[in-house]
Protein backbone atom coordinates (compact mmCIF):
# COMPACT_ATOMS: atom_id res chain seq x y z
CA MET A 1 1.87 -19.56 9.46
CA LYS A 2 -1.56 -18.91 10.18
CA ASN A 3 -3.46 -17.86 6.96
CA ASN A 4 -4.12 -14.05 7.09
CA PHE A 5 -2.40 -12.29 4.23
CA SER A 6 -5.89 -12.84 2.80
CA TYR A 7 -7.33 -10.31 4.63
CA LEU A 8 -4.90 -7.91 3.48
CA LEU A 9 -5.09 -8.71 -0.20
CA VAL A 10 -8.87 -8.16 -0.18
CA ALA A 11 -8.18 -4.38 1.46
CA LEU A 12 -5.90 -4.01 -0.54
CA LEU A 13 -8.00 -4.75 -3.81
CA ILE A 14 -10.70 -2.39 -2.67
CA LEU A 15 -8.63 0.47 -2.68
CA ILE A 16 -6.78 0.24 -5.77
CA ILE A 17 -9.63 -1.37 -8.14
CA GLY A 18 -12.93 -1.23 -6.60
CA VAL A 19 -12.79 2.39 -5.14
CA PRO A 20 -11.56 3.36 -8.53
CA ILE A 21 -14.27 2.08 -10.45
CA ALA A 22 -16.50 2.83 -8.31
CA TYR A 23 -15.69 6.68 -8.44
CA ASP A 24 -15.56 6.36 -11.66
CA LEU A 25 -19.00 4.89 -12.46
CA GLU A 26 -19.72 7.98 -10.03
CA LEU A 27 -21.44 5.80 -7.31
CA ILE A 28 -18.97 7.35 -5.21
CA SER A 29 -17.80 10.84 -4.55
CA LEU A 30 -14.56 11.74 -4.23
CA PRO A 31 -15.12 12.88 -0.03
CA LEU A 32 -16.62 9.26 0.23
CA SER A 33 -14.00 7.16 -1.89
CA LYS A 34 -10.92 8.32 0.32
CA VAL A 35 -13.24 7.62 3.61
CA LEU A 36 -14.37 4.09 2.34
CA GLY A 37 -10.99 3.09 0.64
CA ILE A 38 -8.77 4.45 3.57
CA SER A 39 -11.50 3.12 6.09
CA SER A 40 -11.40 -0.48 4.90
CA LEU A 41 -7.84 -1.21 4.32
CA LEU A 42 -7.82 -0.17 8.26
CA ALA A 43 -10.67 -2.12 8.93
CA ILE A 44 -10.10 -5.28 6.98
CA GLY A 45 -6.06 -4.96 6.56
CA VAL A 46 -5.57 -5.40 10.28
CA GLY A 47 -6.32 -9.04 10.12
CA SER A 48 -2.96 -9.81 8.72
CA LEU A 49 -1.13 -8.63 12.35
CA ARG A 50 -3.09 -10.97 14.43
CA GLY A 51 -0.79 -12.82 16.08
CA ALA A 52 1.98 -10.25 15.81
CA GLY A 53 2.03 -9.77 19.32
CA ARG A 54 2.16 -5.86 20.66
CA LEU A 55 2.05 -4.97 16.89
CA PHE A 56 -1.25 -5.91 16.76
CA HIS A 57 -2.00 -3.32 19.89
CA VAL A 58 -0.41 -1.03 17.79
CA ALA A 59 -2.44 -1.73 15.12
CA ILE A 60 -5.78 -1.42 16.50
CA PHE A 61 -5.16 1.65 17.63
CA LEU A 62 -3.52 3.06 14.63
CA VAL A 63 -6.81 1.57 12.79
CA VAL A 64 -8.96 3.48 15.13
CA ALA A 65 -7.13 6.46 15.18
CA GLY A 66 -7.26 6.56 11.83
CA ILE A 67 -10.64 5.45 10.30
CA ILE A 68 -12.06 8.85 12.93
CA LEU A 69 -9.20 11.55 11.46
CA ASN A 70 -10.01 10.07 7.93
CA ILE A 71 -13.98 11.24 8.55
CA LEU A 72 -13.28 14.01 10.28
CA SER A 73 -10.78 15.20 7.72
CA VAL A 74 -13.32 15.41 4.88
CA ALA A 75 -15.91 16.23 7.25
CA LEU A 76 -13.99 19.34 8.24
CA ASP A 77 -12.15 19.31 5.12
CA ASN A 78 -8.97 20.21 7.63
CA ASP A 79 -5.42 20.87 6.24
CA ALA A 80 -3.78 19.44 9.25
CA LEU A 81 -5.97 16.57 10.12
CA HIS A 82 -5.95 15.29 6.32
CA ILE A 83 -2.05 15.49 6.82
CA ILE A 84 -2.37 13.15 10.37
CA SER A 85 -4.80 11.09 8.55
CA GLN A 86 -2.48 9.80 5.88
CA LEU A 87 0.60 9.15 8.22
CA THR A 88 -1.47 7.36 10.70
CA LEU A 89 -2.29 5.53 7.70
CA PHE A 90 1.33 5.28 6.04
CA VAL A 91 2.74 4.36 9.98
CA PHE A 92 -0.02 0.68 9.30
CA LEU A 93 0.83 0.38 6.46
CA LEU A 94 4.71 0.45 7.30
CA LEU A 95 3.79 -2.26 10.17
CA ALA A 96 1.90 -4.46 7.99
CA THR A 97 4.62 -4.55 5.39
CA PHE A 98 7.12 -5.04 7.75
CA ASN A 99 5.15 -7.86 9.15
CA THR A 100 4.07 -9.86 6.37
CA LEU A 101 7.66 -9.53 5.37
CA ARG A 102 9.18 -10.85 7.91
CA LYS A 103 6.72 -13.90 7.64
CA VAL A 104 7.15 -14.11 3.78
CA ALA A 105 11.46 -14.23 4.00
CA VAL A 106 11.26 -17.08 6.51
CA GLY A 107 10.88 -20.57 5.62
CA ASN A 108 11.44 -23.06 2.68
CA ASP A 109 7.89 -24.17 2.18
CA ILE A 110 6.02 -22.81 -0.86
CA SER A 111 2.22 -22.22 0.38
CA LEU A 112 -0.45 -20.37 -1.10
CA ASN A 113 -0.74 -18.04 1.93
CA ARG A 114 3.11 -16.96 1.30
CA ILE A 115 2.79 -15.80 -2.18
CA VAL A 116 -0.51 -13.76 -1.05
CA GLY A 117 2.13 -12.55 1.17
CA ALA A 118 4.18 -11.69 -1.26
CA VAL A 119 1.91 -9.78 -3.43
CA CYS A 120 0.63 -8.17 -0.66
CA VAL A 121 4.10 -6.28 -0.25
CA TYR A 122 4.41 -5.59 -3.17
CA LEU A 123 0.85 -3.76 -3.35
CA LEU A 124 1.84 -2.42 0.14
CA LEU A 125 4.61 -0.46 -1.39
CA GLY A 126 2.80 1.32 -4.00
CA VAL A 127 0.47 2.51 -1.60
CA MET A 128 2.42 3.43 0.70
CA TRP A 129 4.44 5.43 -1.93
CA SER A 130 0.86 6.81 -3.39
CA ILE A 131 0.70 8.48 0.55
CA ALA A 132 4.14 10.02 0.11
CA TYR A 133 3.11 11.28 -3.41
CA SER A 134 0.12 12.94 -1.86
CA VAL A 135 0.90 14.29 1.09
CA LEU A 136 3.90 16.21 -0.84
CA GLU A 137 1.93 17.38 -3.27
CA TYR A 138 -0.76 18.54 -0.47
CA SER A 139 2.27 20.59 1.42
CA GLN A 140 4.56 21.49 -1.30
CA PRO A 141 1.99 22.56 -4.37
CA GLY A 142 3.23 22.15 -7.69
CA SER A 143 5.45 19.11 -7.01
CA PHE A 144 3.92 17.50 -9.72
CA LYS A 145 2.37 18.72 -13.38
CA GLY A 146 -0.78 16.29 -15.18
CA LEU A 147 -2.80 16.55 -12.07
CA THR A 148 -6.37 16.60 -11.76
CA GLU A 149 -7.46 19.92 -10.37
CA LEU A 150 -8.72 17.50 -7.31
CA ALA A 151 -5.32 15.21 -7.07
CA SER A 152 -3.67 18.90 -6.15
CA THR A 153 -5.92 19.29 -3.21
CA ALA A 154 -6.81 15.85 -1.75
CA TRP A 155 -6.35 12.24 -1.59
CA ASN A 156 -7.17 10.89 -5.12
CA PRO A 157 -7.25 7.80 -6.93
CA ASP A 158 -4.93 9.15 -9.13
CA TRP A 159 -2.19 8.97 -6.69
CA ILE A 160 -2.63 5.05 -7.14
CA TYR A 161 -2.34 5.35 -10.21
CA PHE A 162 0.72 6.94 -10.80
CA SER A 163 2.77 4.78 -8.34
CA PHE A 164 1.66 1.78 -9.77
CA VAL A 165 2.77 3.27 -13.10
CA THR A 166 6.24 4.31 -11.47
CA ILE A 167 6.90 0.66 -9.69
CA THR A 168 6.37 -1.05 -12.98
CA THR A 169 8.39 1.35 -14.79
CA LEU A 170 5.92 1.52 -16.79
CA GLY A 171 6.58 5.38 -16.89
CA TYR A 172 3.57 6.79 -18.94
CA GLY A 173 4.66 10.62 -18.66
CA ASP A 174 0.72 11.81 -17.82
CA ILE A 175 2.00 12.74 -14.34
CA THR A 176 5.65 14.11 -13.98
CA PRO A 177 7.31 14.75 -10.97
CA LEU A 178 9.23 18.60 -10.93
CA THR A 179 10.70 18.74 -7.70
CA GLN A 180 14.06 17.52 -6.55
CA THR A 181 11.53 15.90 -4.01
CA ALA A 182 9.31 13.98 -6.30
CA ARG A 183 11.94 13.04 -8.48
CA SER A 184 13.86 11.40 -5.94
CA LEU A 185 10.96 9.88 -4.24
CA THR A 186 9.66 8.96 -8.18
CA PHE A 187 13.13 6.88 -9.06
CA SER A 188 13.40 4.83 -5.54
CA GLU A 189 9.76 3.50 -5.56
CA ALA A 190 10.75 2.43 -9.02
CA ILE A 191 14.39 1.28 -7.73
CA VAL A 192 12.81 -0.59 -4.51
CA GLY A 193 9.91 -1.67 -7.26
CA GLN A 194 12.39 -4.01 -9.01
CA PHE A 195 14.73 -4.67 -6.85
CA TYR A 196 11.71 -6.55 -4.90
CA ILE A 197 10.74 -8.72 -8.01
CA ALA A 198 14.16 -10.11 -8.05
CA VAL A 199 14.86 -10.97 -4.71
CA LEU A 200 10.70 -12.51 -4.38
CA VAL A 201 11.73 -14.63 -7.27
CA ALA A 202 14.73 -15.64 -6.19
CA GLY A 203 13.56 -16.29 -2.79
CA LEU A 204 11.24 -18.46 -4.08
CA VAL A 205 13.01 -20.14 -6.49
CA SER A 206 14.98 -20.87 -3.96
CA ALA A 207 12.87 -22.20 -1.77
CA TYR A 208 10.88 -24.42 -4.43
CA ILE A 209 14.36 -25.82 -5.17
CA SER A 210 15.26 -26.93 -1.30
CA ALA A 211 11.21 -27.91 -0.66
CA LYS A 212 12.18 -30.26 -3.88
CA GLN A 213 15.55 -32.05 -2.31
CA ASN A 214 13.75 -32.19 1.33
CA SER A 215 11.29 -34.24 -0.28
CA SER A 216 13.94 -36.25 -1.98
CA LYS A 217 15.57 -37.17 0.79
CA ARG A 218 12.47 -38.12 2.43
CA ASP A 219 11.77 -41.11 -0.05
């Protein structure tokens, strides 16, 4: 397994932590935070798909299309381009999640790369749901309450916050889903997040035990 999940982890941390902090410190504007956050995730994250064959070529296409659409959606303030750019990013994240999960789930070795990949999958799930919330509110205003005005009209770091509060089942209650679709998305994320953690821990423990047994046999 190639040590390539570090690229994806860096890209995710930039989007999840770096961009919101920069926006809070007024180092960048909201439109620029969207461009930098999404473009960096696409450009850096594609490294995790190296060696994935056709998936890598599809990912390259999605990266180029996603960055161009992202910039145009901000520059032109176009609703259709905004939705399409978000969906392009969502598809890219699906490919990255599938590729990462496939490599993390196979094998009995416990390596740093495998642990980083497992963390990446969890973060990817949170980012994907944040995109789903953003698109839902953008296409059906009023699906959530407690949003800032900016969050209700475009992608915003608020969605990252809400998504990870949901997937970790913290549930502060400052942002609340109102429609049935929004509620379904919210509880499904909480279920998937908790299920993933349970399966991940069980899988890593099983792999560790198996590795120890194999080591004992060789000795």
